[in-house]
Every structure is written in structure tokens, then in C-alpha cells.
């Protein structure tokens, strides 16, 4: 895991832990459905940061005979679990609380305490989001939009934290609006509506995150720029006559498998061919540093008539 990802996760963990404690205290005082939904959401987010750190630690294990390509995909797996936690413990619970209060409405107590806690939570969540944005900006190409960065990044931690923190900010605003409208109108159903809005938001974000992590777990190729760099390195080698076929696969965010069929100069002896293959592998790693597992198969190009 990159240092920037680690900083963003730690900032999110500390912020969410403090927010969760404050919100649970606020719920005990106010009995607000929106406050409880937000408390459970923050508790789930705190656990999610722990899961991301667990995934990072497990991904560092050495390869074994049973897992010859290592454990880099552990980071994708635990990020997928994060999406499930956000969907169930965050989104579905918030929707359940909202429906329950719609069916059995009751007044919210100590509105001032609830608003104060939510405003403080917005401040802490903003700190976490700003940290995540700053660390992501350091690795995101300027030409790439934030939506594209979240969608196509092979490193799961920063996109997860960005999505979680953004959802948390909107969720806090929904809870605050629901509480204020409930107090102004005297109808607790506005508080329930705030909880429902939080639930729908979290479910939507969890689905987006789950779909992204599913793609990474199933296996995604290198970026188009990386594949182009690898292709250029191959065809530029003096012993290579033609690049016949190539496939790439992310074994983890920082490890790429490259498999290629190449046509070499037919005058090469076996010893010279072996040296040429080693040289091509070196050039590929120079072009794309994360290309760590490389398989080169010498072949002859056959045109299809």
C-alpha cells in the first residue's frame, strides 16, 4: 500500500471512530432515527478502515506453492467486503430505521445537542475527506477526472475512502436537514425521511463500490498506456521480429502479469534466444515497473488466409 493510502485510511479511521462515539451519545440523548443511522454508518466506516488495513497487511505475504502468484488480490477482496458492510450495516440498517420511525413516529429530544453533534461530525468528516483528496491528488494524473480515477484506479484504498467520506458528508447533511425540518414542522417523519435518504445513498455507493471491486477480483488488464509502453518496449528490441499476441493481468494493485508470444530473429541459436528473452523481460520491467511476472513464448507468426 502506498504511504498516501495509509495516511488517508488512518485519518478516516480516527475521524469515524470519534464521530461514531459522538453520534451514539447523541442518539441516547435525542432518540433521533437519523442520528442512530449515522452512528451505525460511522461505526461501519470505522470497521471498514480496519478491513482495508487488514487487506494491506495480508497482501504482503510471500508467495506459496498453493498461491504461486502471491496475495496481492487480498486488497481487492477486503475492499469488496467493505462494500458489503456498507450495503448491509450502513445502508439497509438506515433504511430500516427510517421505515420504523415512519410507522411509529416519536418526537426527537434535545434538538440542540443533536445539531451540535452533527455539525462537529461534519467538521471531522471534512478533515478525513480533505486528507483523502490531498493524498489521491498526489497520485492522480492531472488529465484524469475524479470520476475516472475512482472508476479505473487499480489501488482500492483511496477510491474506497473517497467514496465513503463523500457519502458520509452527504449523509450528515441529510440527517441535519431531517432533524431541523422535524423540529420546525413538529413532524418526526422528516427525521425518518433523513434516515431513509441516508440508507438509499449508502446502498447506491456500496453497489458502485461492489461492482468496481468485483471487476478487480475477476481480473483486469493493465491500463491502455501501460500496455502501449510494454508493446513499444517489446517491438523496439533488436531481436524481436513481431509481437504476435499479448495479455496482461493485475495480480494486485502493484503487480502485473505479462504474457506474450513473440517472433524472434530466426537466425538466433538457442543460447542467444534465451539471452534475448531475458533482455526483453528486462526492457518490459524498465518500461512498466509493476510488470513483475513475465512469460515470453517464442513463436512464428502465421497469417490467416
Protein backbone atom coordinates (compact mmCIF):
# COMPACT_ATOMS: atom_id res chain seq x y z
CA UNK A 1 0.00 0.00 0.00
CA UNK A 2 1.28 3.48 -0.84
CA UNK A 3 2.03 5.84 2.04
CA UNK A 4 -0.68 8.22 0.84
CA UNK A 5 -3.31 5.47 1.04
CA UNK A 6 -2.16 4.60 4.55
CA UNK A 7 -2.45 8.23 5.71
CA UNK A 8 -5.95 8.53 4.24
CA UNK A 9 -7.08 5.29 5.93
CA UNK A 10 -5.68 6.28 9.33
CA UNK A 11 -7.27 9.74 9.10
CA UNK A 12 -10.62 8.17 8.16
CA UNK A 13 -10.35 5.57 10.94
CA UNK A 14 -9.70 8.14 13.67
CA UNK A 15 -12.33 10.56 12.37
CA UNK A 16 -15.02 7.89 12.04
CA UNK A 17 -14.27 6.42 15.47
CA UNK A 18 -14.68 9.81 17.11
CA UNK A 19 -17.80 10.55 15.08
CA UNK A 20 -19.38 7.17 15.90
CA UNK A 21 -18.90 7.66 19.64
CA UNK A 22 -20.35 11.18 19.50
CA UNK A 23 -23.34 10.06 17.42
CA UNK A 24 -24.19 7.15 19.71
CA UNK A 25 -24.15 9.52 22.66
CA UNK A 26 -26.32 11.89 20.66
CA UNK A 27 -28.79 9.12 19.84
CA UNK A 28 -29.10 8.12 23.51
CA UNK A 29 -29.95 11.74 24.29
CA UNK A 30 -32.17 12.61 21.32
CA UNK A 31 -33.65 9.26 20.21
CA UNK A 32 -33.27 10.50 16.61
CA UNK A 33 -33.57 7.85 13.88
CA UNK A 34 -31.28 9.85 11.62
CA UNK A 35 -28.72 10.12 14.42
CA UNK A 36 -28.81 6.35 15.02
CA UNK A 37 -28.49 5.65 11.30
CA UNK A 38 -25.50 7.97 11.12
CA UNK A 39 -23.95 6.40 14.25
CA UNK A 40 -24.16 2.91 12.78
CA UNK A 41 -22.86 4.25 9.46
CA UNK A 42 -19.81 5.77 11.19
CA UNK A 43 -19.24 2.58 13.18
CA UNK A 44 -19.34 0.59 9.94
CA UNK A 45 -16.91 3.03 8.30
CA UNK A 46 -14.53 2.65 11.25
CA UNK A 47 -14.60 -1.11 10.82
CA UNK A 48 -14.15 -0.69 7.08
CA UNK A 49 -10.87 1.19 7.56
CA UNK A 50 -9.71 -1.71 9.73
CA UNK A 51 -10.61 -4.15 6.93
CA UNK A 52 -8.61 -2.12 4.41
CA UNK A 53 -5.57 -2.18 6.69
CA UNK A 54 -6.05 -5.93 7.18
CA UNK A 55 -6.14 -6.44 3.42
CA UNK A 56 -2.95 -4.43 3.01
CA UNK A 57 -1.17 -6.50 5.64
CA UNK A 58 -2.29 -9.84 4.21
CA UNK A 59 -1.30 -8.78 0.69
CA UNK A 60 2.33 -8.58 1.82
CA UNK A 61 2.56 -12.32 2.47
CA UNK A 62 5.15 -14.19 0.42
CA UNK A 63 4.00 -16.45 -2.39
CA UNK A 64 3.48 -20.11 -1.52
CA UNK A 65 3.27 -23.29 -3.62
CA UNK A 66 -0.52 -23.13 -3.27
CA UNK A 67 -0.61 -19.40 -4.09
CA UNK A 68 2.31 -19.02 -6.52
CA UNK A 69 1.34 -15.51 -7.61
CA UNK A 70 1.20 -14.17 -4.07
CA UNK A 71 -1.63 -12.48 -2.19
CA UNK A 72 -1.90 -9.06 -3.81
CA UNK A 73 -5.59 -9.62 -4.60
CA UNK A 74 -6.33 -9.75 -0.85
CA UNK A 75 -6.60 -5.97 -1.06
CA UNK A 76 -9.42 -6.34 -3.59
CA UNK A 77 -11.19 -9.00 -1.53
CA UNK A 78 -11.29 -6.97 1.67
CA UNK A 79 -12.36 -3.86 -0.24
CA UNK A 80 -15.26 -5.95 -1.59
CA UNK A 81 -16.15 -6.91 2.00
CA UNK A 82 -16.15 -3.19 2.79
CA UNK A 83 -18.82 -2.71 0.10
CA UNK A 84 -20.93 -5.49 1.66
CA UNK A 85 -20.63 -3.93 5.12
CA UNK A 86 -21.60 -0.51 3.77
CA UNK A 87 -24.59 -2.05 1.97
CA UNK A 88 -25.91 -4.05 4.94
CA UNK A 89 -24.79 -2.47 8.20
CA UNK A 90 -24.85 1.03 6.75
CA UNK A 91 -27.49 1.31 4.04
CA UNK A 92 -30.06 -1.35 4.93
CA UNK A 93 -29.95 -0.50 8.64
CA UNK A 94 -30.53 3.20 7.92
CA UNK A 95 -33.50 2.34 5.69
CA UNK A 96 -34.89 0.02 8.37
CA UNK A 97 -34.63 2.78 10.97
CA UNK A 98 -36.33 5.24 8.65
CA UNK A 99 -39.23 2.91 7.87
CA UNK A 100 -39.63 2.05 11.57
CA UNK A 101 -39.89 5.71 12.54
CA UNK A 102 -42.30 6.42 9.70
CA UNK A 103 -44.59 3.68 11.04
CA UNK A 104 -44.05 4.57 14.70
CA UNK A 105 -43.10 8.27 14.85
CA UNK A 106 -41.87 9.86 18.08
CA UNK A 107 -40.51 13.28 18.91
CA UNK A 108 -36.77 13.99 18.86
CA UNK A 109 -35.41 15.23 22.19
CA UNK A 110 -32.66 17.80 22.78
CA UNK A 111 -32.53 19.12 19.22
CA UNK A 112 -29.66 21.46 20.10
CA UNK A 113 -27.47 18.58 21.23
CA UNK A 114 -28.19 16.64 18.04
CA UNK A 115 -27.40 19.59 15.78
CA UNK A 116 -24.19 20.32 17.69
CA UNK A 117 -23.02 16.73 17.32
CA UNK A 118 -23.84 16.63 13.61
CA UNK A 119 -22.01 19.92 12.97
CA UNK A 120 -18.96 18.61 14.84
CA UNK A 121 -19.18 15.37 12.85
CA UNK A 122 -19.26 17.32 9.59
CA UNK A 123 -16.04 19.05 10.68
CA UNK A 124 -14.28 15.74 11.44
CA UNK A 125 -15.56 14.12 8.27
CA UNK A 126 -14.38 17.10 6.24
CA UNK A 127 -10.90 16.63 7.72
CA UNK A 128 -10.94 12.98 6.65
CA UNK A 129 -12.21 13.81 3.14
CA UNK A 130 -9.67 16.60 2.64
CA UNK A 131 -6.88 14.21 3.67
CA UNK A 132 -8.12 11.58 1.20
CA UNK A 133 -8.43 14.14 -1.61
CA UNK A 134 -4.93 15.50 -0.93
CA UNK A 135 -3.33 12.05 -0.94
CA UNK A 136 -5.27 10.96 -4.03
CA UNK A 137 -4.34 14.15 -5.88
CA UNK A 138 -0.67 13.25 -5.40
CA UNK A 139 -1.08 10.05 -7.46
CA UNK A 140 -3.92 11.04 -9.81
CA UNK A 141 -2.78 12.34 -13.20
CA UNK A 142 -3.99 15.89 -13.74
CA UNK A 143 -5.59 14.90 -17.03
CA UNK A 144 -7.77 12.27 -15.30
CA UNK A 145 -11.09 13.32 -13.74
CA UNK A 146 -12.03 12.27 -10.21
CA UNK A 147 -14.78 10.04 -11.54
CA UNK A 148 -12.33 8.28 -13.85
CA UNK A 149 -9.77 7.96 -11.04
CA UNK A 150 -12.29 6.24 -8.77
CA UNK A 151 -13.55 4.08 -11.62
CA UNK A 152 -10.26 2.93 -13.12
CA UNK A 153 -7.75 3.04 -10.26
CA UNK A 154 -6.23 -0.39 -9.57
CA UNK A 155 -5.45 0.54 -5.96
CA UNK A 156 -8.65 0.06 -3.94
CA UNK A 157 -7.90 2.02 -0.75
CA UNK A 158 -8.07 5.63 -1.93
CA UNK A 159 -11.23 5.17 -4.06
CA UNK A 160 -12.91 3.38 -1.13
CA UNK A 161 -12.03 6.16 1.34
CA UNK A 162 -13.06 8.87 -1.15
CA UNK A 163 -16.45 7.23 -1.74
CA UNK A 164 -17.01 6.54 1.97
CA UNK A 165 -16.12 10.06 3.05
CA UNK A 166 -18.21 11.68 0.33
CA UNK A 167 -21.19 9.51 1.25
CA UNK A 168 -20.65 10.34 4.92
CA UNK A 169 -20.65 14.08 4.22
CA UNK A 170 -23.93 13.88 2.32
CA UNK A 171 -25.36 11.55 4.96
CA UNK A 172 -24.60 14.05 7.71
CA UNK A 173 -26.27 16.80 5.71
CA UNK A 174 -29.36 14.61 5.21
CA UNK A 175 -29.50 13.84 8.93
CA UNK A 176 -29.12 17.52 9.81
CA UNK A 177 -31.83 18.61 7.37
CA UNK A 178 -34.17 15.91 8.68
CA UNK A 179 -33.66 16.99 12.28
CA UNK A 180 -34.15 20.69 11.56
CA UNK A 181 -37.29 20.12 9.48
CA UNK A 182 -38.64 17.76 12.13
CA UNK A 183 -38.15 20.44 14.76
CA UNK A 184 -39.61 23.25 12.64
CA UNK A 185 -42.68 21.34 11.47
CA UNK A 186 -43.21 19.32 14.62
CA UNK A 187 -43.38 16.17 12.50
CA UNK A 188 -40.84 13.42 13.34
CA UNK A 189 -41.40 11.95 9.90
CA UNK A 190 -38.83 14.39 8.49
CA UNK A 191 -36.23 12.74 10.72
CA UNK A 192 -37.34 9.37 9.36
CA UNK A 193 -37.06 10.73 5.82
CA UNK A 194 -33.48 11.79 6.59
CA UNK A 195 -32.66 8.26 7.72
CA UNK A 196 -34.20 6.82 4.54
CA UNK A 197 -32.18 9.22 2.39
CA UNK A 198 -29.01 8.14 4.18
CA UNK A 199 -29.88 4.50 3.56
CA UNK A 200 -30.55 4.98 -0.15
CA UNK A 201 -27.29 6.92 -0.52
CA UNK A 202 -25.21 4.25 1.22
CA UNK A 203 -26.80 1.42 -0.75
CA UNK A 204 -26.07 3.25 -4.02
CA UNK A 205 -22.43 3.93 -3.08
CA UNK A 206 -22.00 0.34 -1.87
CA UNK A 207 -23.29 -1.01 -5.20
CA UNK A 208 -20.87 1.23 -7.14
CA UNK A 209 -18.00 0.12 -4.92
CA UNK A 210 -19.00 -3.55 -5.10
CA UNK A 211 -19.16 -3.51 -8.91
CA UNK A 212 -15.71 -1.91 -9.09
CA UNK A 213 -14.15 -4.43 -6.70
CA UNK A 214 -15.85 -7.33 -8.49
CA UNK A 215 -14.12 -6.30 -11.70
CA UNK A 216 -10.74 -6.20 -9.96
CA UNK A 217 -11.33 -9.56 -8.29
CA UNK A 218 -12.32 -11.22 -11.55
CA UNK A 219 -9.19 -9.79 -13.15
CA UNK A 220 -8.45 -6.61 -15.07
CA UNK A 221 -5.77 -5.87 -17.65
CA UNK A 222 -3.18 -3.13 -17.41
CA UNK A 223 -4.19 0.35 -18.49
CA UNK A 224 -4.04 1.21 -22.17
CA UNK A 225 -0.99 3.43 -21.54
CA UNK A 226 0.82 0.63 -19.73
CA UNK A 227 0.03 -1.91 -22.45
CA UNK A 228 1.25 0.55 -25.07
CA UNK A 229 4.50 1.06 -23.15
CA UNK A 230 5.02 -2.69 -22.87
CA UNK A 231 4.33 -3.19 -26.59
CA UNK A 232 6.80 -0.45 -27.54
CA UNK A 233 9.47 -1.98 -25.32
CA UNK A 234 8.96 -5.38 -26.96
CA UNK A 235 8.95 -4.33 -30.61
CA UNK A 236 11.89 -1.98 -30.07
CA UNK A 237 14.14 -4.89 -29.11
CA UNK A 238 16.52 -5.73 -31.97
CA UNK A 239 15.98 -9.49 -31.64
CA UNK A 240 12.18 -9.27 -31.88
CA UNK A 241 10.64 -9.51 -35.35
CA UNK A 242 7.00 -9.26 -34.32
CA UNK A 243 4.69 -9.06 -31.33
CA UNK A 244 2.14 -11.77 -32.11
CA UNK A 245 -0.04 -11.78 -29.03
CA UNK A 246 -0.03 -10.25 -25.55
CA UNK A 247 -2.18 -10.43 -22.42
CA UNK A 248 -1.81 -8.57 -19.12
CA UNK A 249 -3.46 -9.13 -15.75
CA UNK A 250 -3.30 -7.32 -12.43
CA UNK A 251 -2.34 -9.78 -9.69
CA UNK A 252 -2.69 -6.90 -7.25
CA UNK A 253 -2.61 -3.10 -7.42
CA UNK A 254 1.20 -3.05 -7.66
CA UNK A 255 1.89 -6.30 -9.52
CA UNK A 256 1.25 -7.03 -13.16
CA UNK A 257 1.45 -10.32 -15.05
CA UNK A 258 2.53 -10.07 -18.70
CA UNK A 259 2.28 -13.00 -21.14
CA UNK A 260 3.35 -12.57 -24.76
CA UNK A 261 4.02 -14.59 -27.88
CA UNK A 262 6.89 -13.11 -29.87
CA UNK A 263 8.52 -13.90 -33.15
CA UNK A 264 12.29 -13.60 -32.81
CA UNK A 265 15.06 -13.35 -35.38
CA UNK A 266 15.21 -16.86 -36.83
CA UNK A 267 18.97 -16.82 -37.04
CA UNK A 268 19.29 -16.89 -33.23
CA UNK A 269 20.72 -20.00 -31.62
CA UNK A 270 19.06 -21.47 -28.52
CA UNK A 271 21.54 -19.73 -26.23
CA UNK A 272 21.11 -16.38 -27.98
CA UNK A 273 17.32 -16.79 -27.94
CA UNK A 274 17.39 -17.36 -24.18
CA UNK A 275 19.50 -14.23 -23.76
CA UNK A 276 17.11 -12.27 -25.97
CA UNK A 277 14.11 -13.36 -23.89
CA UNK A 278 15.87 -12.25 -20.70
CA UNK A 279 16.70 -8.94 -22.34
CA UNK A 280 13.09 -8.39 -23.45
CA UNK A 281 11.87 -9.08 -19.91
CA UNK A 282 14.34 -6.50 -18.59
CA UNK A 283 13.11 -3.91 -21.10
CA UNK A 284 9.48 -4.57 -20.15
CA UNK A 285 10.24 -4.01 -16.46
CA UNK A 286 12.10 -0.82 -17.32
CA UNK A 287 9.06 0.42 -19.24
CA UNK A 288 6.46 -0.60 -16.61
CA UNK A 289 7.91 -1.17 -13.16
CA UNK A 290 4.96 -3.17 -11.82
CA UNK A 291 5.35 -5.79 -14.58
CA UNK A 292 6.90 -8.34 -12.22
CA UNK A 293 5.67 -11.68 -13.57
CA UNK A 294 6.54 -12.09 -17.26
CA UNK A 295 6.16 -15.09 -19.55
CA UNK A 296 7.61 -14.89 -23.06
CA UNK A 297 6.81 -17.63 -25.61
CA UNK A 298 8.81 -17.69 -28.87
CA UNK A 299 6.54 -18.47 -31.81
CA UNK A 300 6.19 -18.00 -35.55
CA UNK A 301 3.61 -15.65 -36.99
CA UNK A 302 1.18 -17.40 -39.29
CA UNK A 303 -1.04 -15.28 -41.49
CA UNK A 304 -4.65 -16.42 -41.84
CA UNK A 305 -5.67 -16.73 -45.48
